[in-house]
Amino acid sequence: MIDRRTFLAGAGAVLLAAPLIADAQQAKKAYKIGYLSPNLSQTSQTRTQRFLQGLRDLGYVEGRDFVMEYRFAEGHQDRLPELAADLVRARVDVIVTFGTPATKAAKEATQTIPIVIAAAGVHVVRMGIVQSLARPGGNVTGLLLQLSQSKAIQLLKDAVPTVTRVVFLHDPTVRSGEMLGAFLKSQQLAAEAQNVVLQPIAVSDPTDIPQAFAAFKQGTNGLVIDVASVLALTADQICRLALLRRLPTTGYGRLFADAGCLMSYGEDLGDMSRRAAGYVDKILKGAKPADLPLEQATKFEFVINLKTAKALGLTIPPSLLQRADEVIE
């Protein structure tokens, strides 16, 4: 039996401890997550929302458990290094990057803050950003694109069987040397399999888009756009010029269909952004990026823009419409 004196002493201790517990709970630090991306388009905003949803699905509450530090280069890749350095100065706990240039800038800005790639090319190994996919080493891990465009030419031919000459816009800085040569060879073979003549045109600067279109050979009646930040940043311009030339166009990634091109095919970047939240969760719980193998995309999306089809006077085969993951009407 507890006497009155013992009870009061115990109750007093509980009352005294209560404010201390409350103070400790209030003092819990919210993680600071940096987010570095080359632009802030509607598509990139959707990716960001998918990343935040991924964190919410894992039990994180924004404002309580974490706060975001966003840095967007607004289409100017040369700003990425300074924006990355700014995130380091902000003392973020982890940096999430979108695209190879952003990842490279973050890696050069810090060797200690964990970096999670939401989407970048497999060439991050060749560039030395990570040691290997299975054992990234250092402070970088995350999710990678597969960078395969072999299906785009086939889809374009399925949509418009009369296509015979296709321009392939690509950024030579994404792949170089033997890798670029092998990639272009694979595209040539894919075109030949569809009885299509392919004209590769390199674009490494956004201001070169008009000159690239001026180099299209006579008789060009189709366009395929490769994955690359420089091309993604000019998606609106490319799709507008393609429409003016009445060229059916397939771009790598849904932002091209959103921007007005006829079709897009590529990894589901929203799903990759959601999965990036899982990497952030593991790191905040103590895992080291060096011990987390990089993964590649598992979901792809095929989008058809019927508004553009109508503007081009095209009728998309019903069988192709059924294969699409989304149809923009």
Protein backbone atom coordinates (compact mmCIF):
# COMPACT_ATOMS: atom_id res chain seq x y z
CA MET A 1 0.00 0.00 0.00
CA ILE A 2 1.36 3.45 -1.00
CA ASP A 3 1.08 6.13 1.69
CA ARG A 4 0.01 9.72 0.93
CA ARG A 5 3.58 11.11 1.22
CA THR A 6 4.99 8.59 -1.26
CA PHE A 7 2.11 9.20 -3.68
CA LEU A 8 2.57 12.99 -3.61
CA ALA A 9 6.31 12.63 -4.12
CA GLY A 10 5.75 10.38 -7.09
CA ALA A 11 3.07 12.62 -8.55
CA GLY A 12 5.35 15.62 -8.14
CA ALA A 13 8.11 13.85 -9.99
CA VAL A 14 5.73 13.07 -12.87
CA LEU A 15 4.54 16.69 -12.99
CA LEU A 16 8.11 17.95 -13.00
CA ALA A 17 9.09 15.48 -15.71
CA ALA A 18 6.14 16.34 -17.97
CA PRO A 19 7.49 19.73 -19.11
CA LEU A 20 10.91 18.16 -19.73
CA ILE A 21 9.37 15.47 -21.95
CA ALA A 22 7.32 18.08 -23.81
CA ASP A 23 10.43 20.22 -24.30
CA ALA A 24 12.34 17.18 -25.62
CA GLN A 25 9.54 16.44 -28.08
CA GLN A 26 9.43 20.06 -29.23
CA ALA A 27 13.20 20.08 -29.59
CA LYS A 28 13.12 17.19 -32.08
CA LYS A 29 14.84 18.46 -35.19
CA ALA A 30 13.04 18.31 -38.53
CA TYR A 31 15.28 16.92 -41.26
CA LYS A 32 16.24 19.37 -43.98
CA ILE A 33 15.96 17.86 -47.47
CA GLY A 34 17.51 19.66 -50.42
CA TYR A 35 16.01 19.25 -53.90
CA LEU A 36 18.06 20.22 -56.96
CA SER A 37 16.53 20.25 -60.44
CA PRO A 38 17.32 22.00 -63.75
CA ASN A 39 13.86 23.49 -64.20
CA LEU A 40 10.44 24.07 -62.67
CA SER A 41 7.95 22.97 -65.32
CA GLN A 42 4.50 21.51 -64.74
CA THR A 43 5.99 18.06 -65.28
CA SER A 44 8.77 18.68 -62.75
CA GLN A 45 6.22 19.93 -60.22
CA THR A 46 4.34 16.67 -60.65
CA ARG A 47 7.57 14.74 -59.99
CA THR A 48 8.17 16.77 -56.85
CA GLN A 49 4.67 16.02 -55.60
CA ARG A 50 5.23 12.30 -56.19
CA PHE A 51 8.43 12.51 -54.12
CA LEU A 52 6.58 14.24 -51.27
CA GLN A 53 3.79 11.65 -51.49
CA GLY A 54 6.44 8.95 -51.20
CA LEU A 55 7.65 10.49 -47.94
CA ARG A 56 4.08 10.78 -46.64
CA ASP A 57 3.47 7.12 -47.45
CA LEU A 58 6.47 6.32 -45.25
CA GLY A 59 4.97 8.26 -42.33
CA TYR A 60 6.76 11.58 -42.70
CA VAL A 61 4.86 14.81 -42.09
CA GLU A 62 6.19 17.93 -43.78
CA GLY A 63 6.89 20.68 -41.27
CA ARG A 64 7.08 18.23 -38.39
CA ASP A 65 9.53 15.59 -39.62
CA PHE A 66 11.15 17.40 -42.54
CA VAL A 67 11.35 20.68 -44.41
CA MET A 68 12.25 21.12 -48.06
CA GLU A 69 14.93 23.37 -49.55
CA TYR A 70 14.17 23.68 -53.28
CA ARG A 71 16.67 24.92 -55.84
CA PHE A 72 15.65 25.13 -59.52
CA ALA A 73 18.02 26.32 -62.23
CA GLU A 74 15.12 27.66 -64.37
CA GLY A 75 16.57 26.12 -67.49
CA HIS A 76 20.10 27.44 -66.97
CA GLN A 77 22.33 24.44 -66.29
CA ASP A 78 25.31 26.69 -65.60
CA ARG A 79 23.53 27.75 -62.39
CA LEU A 80 23.43 24.23 -60.96
CA PRO A 81 26.91 24.31 -59.30
CA GLU A 82 26.09 27.48 -57.35
CA LEU A 83 22.65 26.17 -56.39
CA ALA A 84 24.24 22.94 -55.17
CA ALA A 85 26.76 24.93 -53.14
CA ASP A 86 23.88 26.93 -51.69
CA LEU A 87 22.24 23.72 -50.46
CA VAL A 88 25.50 22.72 -48.80
CA ARG A 89 25.64 26.10 -47.06
CA ALA A 90 22.04 25.54 -45.92
CA ARG A 91 23.31 22.43 -44.08
CA VAL A 92 20.76 20.06 -45.55
CA ASP A 93 20.75 16.46 -44.32
CA VAL A 94 20.35 14.95 -47.80
CA ILE A 95 20.20 16.25 -51.38
CA VAL A 96 17.77 14.81 -53.93
CA THR A 97 18.82 15.46 -57.54
CA PHE A 98 17.01 15.22 -60.83
CA GLY A 99 19.08 14.71 -63.96
CA THR A 100 22.75 13.99 -64.54
CA PRO A 101 23.92 17.66 -64.57
CA ALA A 102 22.25 18.30 -61.20
CA THR A 103 23.76 15.12 -59.76
CA LYS A 104 27.21 16.05 -61.04
CA ALA A 105 26.90 19.54 -59.55
CA ALA A 106 25.83 18.15 -56.17
CA LYS A 107 28.66 15.60 -56.15
CA GLU A 108 31.20 18.34 -56.87
CA ALA A 109 29.71 20.51 -54.11
CA THR A 110 29.94 17.92 -51.35
CA GLN A 111 31.66 14.62 -50.64
CA THR A 112 29.89 14.11 -47.31
CA ILE A 113 26.20 15.05 -47.54
CA PRO A 114 24.22 12.05 -48.87
CA ILE A 115 22.90 12.50 -52.42
CA VAL A 116 19.89 10.57 -53.74
CA ILE A 117 19.39 10.51 -57.51
CA ALA A 118 15.71 10.64 -58.44
CA ALA A 119 16.61 10.09 -62.10
CA ALA A 120 19.87 10.21 -64.08
CA GLY A 121 21.61 8.25 -66.81
CA VAL A 122 23.58 5.04 -66.32
CA HIS A 123 26.67 6.96 -67.46
CA VAL A 124 27.09 8.25 -63.89
CA VAL A 125 29.48 5.31 -63.50
CA ARG A 126 31.62 6.37 -66.46
CA MET A 127 31.62 9.93 -65.16
CA GLY A 128 32.95 8.77 -61.79
CA ILE A 129 29.93 9.99 -59.83
CA VAL A 130 29.50 6.44 -58.49
CA GLN A 131 31.91 3.50 -58.53
CA SER A 132 29.41 0.90 -59.75
CA LEU A 133 25.68 0.21 -59.68
CA ALA A 134 25.97 -2.55 -57.08
CA ARG A 135 28.50 -0.72 -54.91
CA PRO A 136 28.17 3.02 -55.50
CA GLY A 137 30.71 3.99 -52.84
CA GLY A 138 30.99 7.59 -51.70
CA ASN A 139 27.91 9.65 -50.92
CA VAL A 140 25.69 9.08 -53.99
CA THR A 141 22.99 6.47 -54.71
CA GLY A 142 19.50 6.38 -56.18
CA LEU A 143 17.65 5.55 -59.38
CA LEU A 144 18.79 5.47 -63.00
CA LEU A 145 17.22 5.67 -66.44
CA GLN A 146 17.87 2.91 -68.94
CA LEU A 147 18.44 5.39 -71.81
CA SER A 148 17.08 3.14 -74.54
CA GLN A 149 15.25 4.75 -77.46
CA SER A 150 14.92 1.70 -79.68
CA LYS A 151 11.14 1.59 -79.19
CA ALA A 152 10.50 5.23 -80.16
CA ILE A 153 11.06 4.73 -83.90
CA GLN A 154 8.78 1.70 -83.92
CA LEU A 155 6.02 3.63 -82.12
CA LEU A 156 6.34 6.50 -84.59
CA LYS A 157 6.06 4.09 -87.50
CA ASP A 158 3.05 2.38 -85.89
CA ALA A 159 1.33 5.75 -85.52
CA VAL A 160 2.24 7.06 -88.98
CA PRO A 161 3.08 4.19 -91.37
CA THR A 162 4.03 6.69 -94.12
CA VAL A 163 7.08 7.88 -92.16
CA THR A 164 10.25 7.09 -94.11
CA ARG A 165 12.84 9.72 -93.05
CA VAL A 166 13.34 10.49 -89.38
CA VAL A 167 15.63 12.97 -87.66
CA PHE A 168 17.06 11.80 -84.34
CA LEU A 169 17.92 14.73 -82.04
CA HIS A 170 20.44 13.80 -79.34
CA ASP A 171 22.84 15.48 -76.93
CA PRO A 172 26.38 14.14 -77.51
CA THR A 173 27.42 15.12 -73.98
CA VAL A 174 25.12 12.44 -72.55
CA ARG A 175 27.19 9.70 -74.14
CA SER A 176 30.64 10.05 -75.65
CA GLY A 177 33.27 8.02 -77.46
CA GLU A 178 32.54 4.34 -77.95
CA MET A 179 29.32 4.58 -75.94
CA LEU A 180 27.90 7.24 -78.27
CA GLY A 181 28.99 5.34 -81.38
CA ALA A 182 27.37 2.12 -80.17
CA PHE A 183 24.20 3.93 -79.21
CA LEU A 184 23.82 5.67 -82.58
CA LYS A 185 24.50 2.35 -84.33
CA SER A 186 21.67 0.74 -82.35
CA GLN A 187 19.33 3.55 -83.44
CA GLN A 188 20.35 3.10 -87.06
CA LEU A 189 19.58 -0.62 -86.83
CA ALA A 190 16.22 0.09 -85.19
CA ALA A 191 15.40 2.49 -88.04
CA GLU A 192 16.45 0.03 -90.72
CA ALA A 193 14.20 -2.60 -89.17
CA GLN A 194 11.29 -0.21 -89.77
CA ASN A 195 12.46 0.70 -93.30
CA VAL A 196 13.26 4.20 -92.08
CA VAL A 197 16.24 6.39 -93.00
CA LEU A 198 17.66 7.98 -89.84
CA GLN A 199 19.50 11.31 -89.67
CA PRO A 200 21.18 11.87 -86.27
CA ILE A 201 21.66 15.53 -85.33
CA ALA A 202 23.62 16.51 -82.22
CA VAL A 203 22.42 19.36 -80.01
CA SER A 204 24.45 20.30 -76.94
CA ASP A 205 23.24 23.88 -76.43
CA PRO A 206 19.59 25.03 -76.14
CA THR A 207 20.29 27.93 -78.50
CA ASP A 208 21.20 25.47 -81.27
CA ILE A 209 17.65 24.18 -81.74
CA PRO A 210 16.77 26.48 -84.71
CA GLN A 211 20.05 25.54 -86.47
CA ALA A 212 19.31 21.86 -85.85
CA PHE A 213 15.92 22.16 -87.56
CA ALA A 214 17.56 24.02 -90.44
CA ALA A 215 19.80 20.97 -90.96
CA PHE A 216 16.90 18.56 -91.52
CA LYS A 217 17.31 16.93 -94.92
CA GLN A 218 14.65 17.30 -97.57
CA GLY A 219 11.94 14.69 -97.24
CA THR A 220 12.14 14.41 -93.45
CA ASN A 221 8.70 13.35 -92.25
CA GLY A 222 9.32 12.27 -88.67
CA LEU A 223 11.26 13.29 -85.56
CA VAL A 224 12.51 11.37 -82.52
CA ILE A 225 13.95 13.21 -79.50
CA ASP A 226 16.45 11.49 -77.24
CA VAL A 227 16.65 11.87 -73.47
CA ALA A 228 18.86 14.77 -72.42
CA SER A 229 18.51 17.74 -70.11
CA VAL A 230 19.35 20.20 -72.88
CA LEU A 231 16.54 18.81 -75.05
CA ALA A 232 14.11 18.52 -72.17
CA LEU A 233 14.69 22.17 -71.30
CA THR A 234 13.64 23.16 -74.83
CA ALA A 235 10.70 20.74 -75.13
CA ASP A 236 8.18 23.52 -75.79
CA GLN A 237 10.32 25.02 -78.55
CA ILE A 238 11.05 21.67 -80.20
CA CYS A 239 7.40 20.57 -80.18
CA ARG A 240 6.29 23.96 -81.54
CA LEU A 241 8.81 23.85 -84.40
CA ALA A 242 7.90 20.24 -85.15
CA LEU A 243 4.22 21.18 -85.36
CA LEU A 244 5.01 24.11 -87.68
CA ARG A 245 6.81 21.66 -89.95
CA ARG A 246 3.94 19.18 -89.54
CA LEU A 247 6.35 16.53 -88.26
CA PRO A 248 4.96 13.71 -86.12
CA THR A 249 7.31 13.55 -83.14
CA THR A 250 8.08 11.08 -80.38
CA GLY A 251 10.10 12.30 -77.39
CA TYR A 252 11.82 10.42 -74.58
CA GLY A 253 9.77 11.19 -71.46
CA ARG A 254 6.20 12.37 -71.06
CA LEU A 255 7.16 16.04 -70.85
CA PHE A 256 7.34 16.01 -74.67
CA ALA A 257 3.74 14.84 -75.05
CA ASP A 258 2.76 17.41 -72.41
CA ALA A 259 4.63 20.07 -74.40
CA GLY A 260 2.71 19.31 -77.59
CA CYS A 261 4.63 16.60 -79.39
CA LEU A 262 2.58 13.75 -80.86
CA MET A 263 3.82 11.04 -78.50
CA SER A 264 6.24 10.29 -75.71
CA TYR A 265 7.74 7.12 -74.34
CA GLY A 266 10.11 6.55 -71.46
CA GLU A 267 10.52 5.78 -67.82
CA ASP A 268 7.74 6.83 -65.45
CA LEU A 269 9.65 9.66 -63.76
CA GLY A 270 6.90 10.18 -61.21
CA ASP A 271 7.31 6.60 -60.03
CA MET A 272 11.09 7.07 -59.85
CA SER A 273 10.59 10.20 -57.73
CA ARG A 274 8.31 8.25 -55.39
CA ARG A 275 10.91 5.50 -55.06
CA ALA A 276 13.61 8.10 -54.32
CA ALA A 277 11.73 8.84 -51.10
CA GLY A 278 12.54 5.30 -49.98
CA TYR A 279 16.25 5.97 -50.35
CA VAL A 280 15.91 9.19 -48.35
CA ASP A 281 14.05 7.31 -45.62
CA LYS A 282 16.81 4.69 -45.32
CA ILE A 283 19.53 7.33 -45.20
CA LEU A 284 17.75 9.40 -42.55
CA LYS A 285 17.48 6.21 -40.51
CA GLY A 286 21.22 5.67 -40.66
CA ALA A 287 21.99 3.82 -43.89
CA LYS A 288 25.03 4.95 -45.89
CA PRO A 289 24.64 5.76 -49.62
CA ALA A 290 27.75 3.69 -50.32
CA ASP A 291 25.89 0.58 -49.13
CA LEU A 292 22.68 1.18 -51.08
CA PRO A 293 22.85 -0.25 -54.64
CA LEU A 294 21.52 1.92 -57.44
CA GLU A 295 18.34 0.71 -59.11
CA GLN A 296 16.91 1.26 -62.57
CA ALA A 297 13.39 2.23 -63.60
CA THR A 298 10.80 -0.54 -63.57
CA LYS A 299 7.82 1.38 -64.98
CA PHE A 300 7.49 3.02 -68.40
CA GLU A 301 4.73 5.20 -69.81
CA PHE A 302 3.50 5.73 -73.35
CA VAL A 303 1.51 8.94 -73.88
CA ILE A 304 -0.32 10.08 -77.03
CA ASN A 305 -1.39 13.69 -77.59
CA LEU A 306 -4.60 13.57 -79.63
CA LYS A 307 -4.74 17.38 -79.80
CA THR A 308 -1.49 17.30 -81.76
CA ALA A 309 -2.68 14.39 -83.88
CA LYS A 310 -5.72 16.45 -84.87
CA ALA A 311 -3.55 19.48 -85.66
CA LEU A 312 -1.39 17.27 -87.91
CA GLY A 313 -4.44 15.75 -89.57
CA LEU A 314 -3.54 12.28 -88.31
CA THR A 315 -5.77 9.41 -87.23
CA ILE A 316 -4.04 7.29 -84.61
CA PRO A 317 -4.78 3.55 -85.06
CA PRO A 318 -7.18 2.28 -82.34
CA SER A 319 -4.75 -0.55 -81.53
CA LEU A 320 -2.07 2.01 -80.66
CA LEU A 321 -4.47 4.08 -78.56
CA GLN A 322 -5.25 0.95 -76.55
CA ARG A 323 -1.54 0.48 -75.82
CA ALA A 324 -1.15 4.02 -74.48
CA ASP A 325 -0.91 4.57 -70.74
CA GLU A 326 -2.48 7.99 -71.19
CA VAL A 327 -4.18 9.88 -74.00
CA ILE A 328 -4.21 13.69 -73.94
CA GLU A 329 -7.46 14.95 -75.48
